[in-house]
């Protein structure tokens, strides 16, 4: 599958310690996105940030017990991402945690899966 032109970027902000059972929530989100057939997902780990609590979290050595920010980015066609939002809401409910989810319109310049994944 190729994507070009208009698409959407789903960006999910959660904490590193957020869990769904014994599985990190970010991992559960990525696995569900793959199962939903979305084009791809990337997880980014923050080095410094704060959220609703205004508590600054950092990777500094003195803050070893920090709950760093995690950002999951998913890009695909609007209809596919829209359908996934219901799955995502269910994951947040099951994990009983907070987070921030944003959606923005983007223009895909180049996306072609590896040839080996097409065979």
Protein backbone atom coordinates (compact mmCIF):
# COMPACT_ATOMS: atom_id res chain seq x y z
CA UNK A 1 0.00 0.00 0.00
CA UNK A 2 1.22 3.47 -0.85
CA UNK A 3 0.11 6.72 0.73
CA UNK A 4 0.44 10.06 -0.96
CA UNK A 5 -1.21 13.43 -0.65
CA UNK A 6 -3.55 14.25 2.20
CA UNK A 7 -3.33 12.16 5.36
CA UNK A 8 -3.52 12.68 9.11
CA UNK A 9 -1.00 12.48 11.94
CA UNK A 10 -2.28 11.01 15.18
CA UNK A 11 0.02 12.01 18.04
CA UNK A 12 -0.43 10.41 21.46
CA UNK A 13 1.31 11.71 24.58
CA UNK A 14 1.50 9.34 27.56
CA UNK A 15 3.81 8.54 30.46
CA UNK A 16 6.50 5.89 30.32
CA UNK A 17 5.03 4.15 33.38
CA UNK A 18 1.49 3.87 31.93
CA UNK A 19 0.58 0.19 31.64
CA UNK A 20 -2.13 -1.99 30.20
CA UNK A 21 -1.86 -4.98 32.50
CA UNK A 22 1.84 -5.88 32.46
CA UNK A 23 2.44 -4.38 29.00
CA UNK A 24 3.62 -0.78 28.58
CA UNK A 25 0.75 1.24 27.14
CA UNK A 26 2.91 2.57 24.30
CA UNK A 27 3.61 -1.01 23.21
CA UNK A 28 -0.08 -1.94 23.38
CA UNK A 29 -0.97 1.10 21.24
CA UNK A 30 1.62 0.22 18.57
CA UNK A 31 0.53 -3.43 18.46
CA UNK A 32 -3.12 -2.41 18.09
CA UNK A 33 -2.20 0.08 15.36
CA UNK A 34 -0.42 -2.69 13.46
CA UNK A 35 -3.38 -5.03 13.94
CA UNK A 36 -5.66 -2.28 12.59
CA UNK A 37 -3.56 -2.15 9.42
CA UNK A 38 -2.27 1.39 9.91
CA UNK A 39 0.73 2.36 7.77
CA UNK A 40 3.17 2.71 10.65
CA UNK A 41 3.83 3.97 14.14
CA UNK A 42 6.85 5.45 15.87
CA UNK A 43 7.44 5.81 19.61
CA UNK A 44 9.62 8.67 20.83
CA UNK A 45 10.95 9.02 24.37
CA UNK A 46 11.22 12.49 25.85
CA UNK A 47 14.31 13.70 27.66
CA UNK A 48 12.60 16.61 29.42
CA UNK A 49 9.00 17.68 29.80
CA UNK A 50 5.95 18.22 31.92
CA UNK A 51 2.24 17.66 31.62
CA UNK A 52 -0.95 18.34 33.55
CA UNK A 53 0.77 18.02 36.94
CA UNK A 54 3.41 20.64 35.94
CA UNK A 55 6.05 18.35 37.48
CA UNK A 56 9.18 18.47 35.32
CA UNK A 57 10.47 15.04 34.37
CA UNK A 58 13.97 14.56 33.09
CA UNK A 59 16.58 11.94 32.21
CA UNK A 60 19.11 13.48 34.60
CA UNK A 61 20.92 10.95 36.76
CA UNK A 62 19.41 12.36 39.98
CA UNK A 63 15.88 11.70 38.71
CA UNK A 64 16.16 7.94 38.17
CA UNK A 65 12.55 7.21 39.13
CA UNK A 66 11.16 9.61 36.53
CA UNK A 67 8.12 8.89 34.43
CA UNK A 68 9.32 10.28 31.13
CA UNK A 69 7.03 11.42 28.36
CA UNK A 70 6.38 9.03 25.49
CA UNK A 71 5.00 10.21 22.15
CA UNK A 72 3.48 7.79 19.65
CA UNK A 73 3.05 9.11 16.11
CA UNK A 74 0.84 7.33 13.60
CA UNK A 75 0.28 8.49 10.01
CA UNK A 76 -2.34 7.12 7.65
CA UNK A 77 -5.46 8.02 5.72
CA UNK A 78 -8.10 9.91 7.68
CA UNK A 79 -10.70 7.11 7.58
CA UNK A 80 -8.28 4.48 8.93
CA UNK A 81 -7.02 6.74 11.72
CA UNK A 82 -10.61 7.73 12.55
CA UNK A 83 -11.58 4.09 13.00
CA UNK A 84 -8.51 3.51 15.19
CA UNK A 85 -9.51 6.34 17.54
CA UNK A 86 -12.23 4.12 19.03
CA UNK A 87 -9.66 1.40 19.70
CA UNK A 88 -7.37 3.99 21.27
CA UNK A 89 -10.15 5.27 23.55
CA UNK A 90 -10.72 1.71 24.73
CA UNK A 91 -7.02 1.26 25.49
CA UNK A 92 -6.96 4.45 27.58
CA UNK A 93 -10.06 3.27 29.45
CA UNK A 94 -8.55 -0.16 30.15
CA UNK A 95 -5.25 1.36 31.27
CA UNK A 96 -7.10 3.86 33.50
CA UNK A 97 -4.58 6.59 32.78
CA UNK A 98 -4.51 10.07 31.33
CA UNK A 99 -2.88 11.32 28.18
CA UNK A 100 -3.19 13.75 25.33
CA UNK A 101 -4.20 12.84 21.78
CA UNK A 102 -3.90 15.28 18.87
CA UNK A 103 -4.80 14.98 15.23
CA UNK A 104 -3.52 17.14 12.42
CA UNK A 105 -3.84 17.21 8.67
CA UNK A 106 -0.61 16.56 6.83
CA UNK A 107 0.59 16.05 3.28
CA UNK A 108 2.58 12.88 2.63
CA UNK A 109 5.45 13.53 0.23
CA UNK A 110 6.88 10.01 0.04
CA UNK A 111 5.78 6.70 1.54
CA UNK A 112 6.46 3.40 -0.13
CA UNK A 113 6.83 0.21 1.93
CA UNK A 114 9.90 -1.96 1.44
CA UNK A 115 9.57 -4.30 -1.50
CA UNK A 116 10.14 -7.36 0.70
CA UNK A 117 7.05 -6.46 2.76
CA UNK A 118 4.95 -6.40 -0.43
CA UNK A 119 5.77 -9.97 -1.45
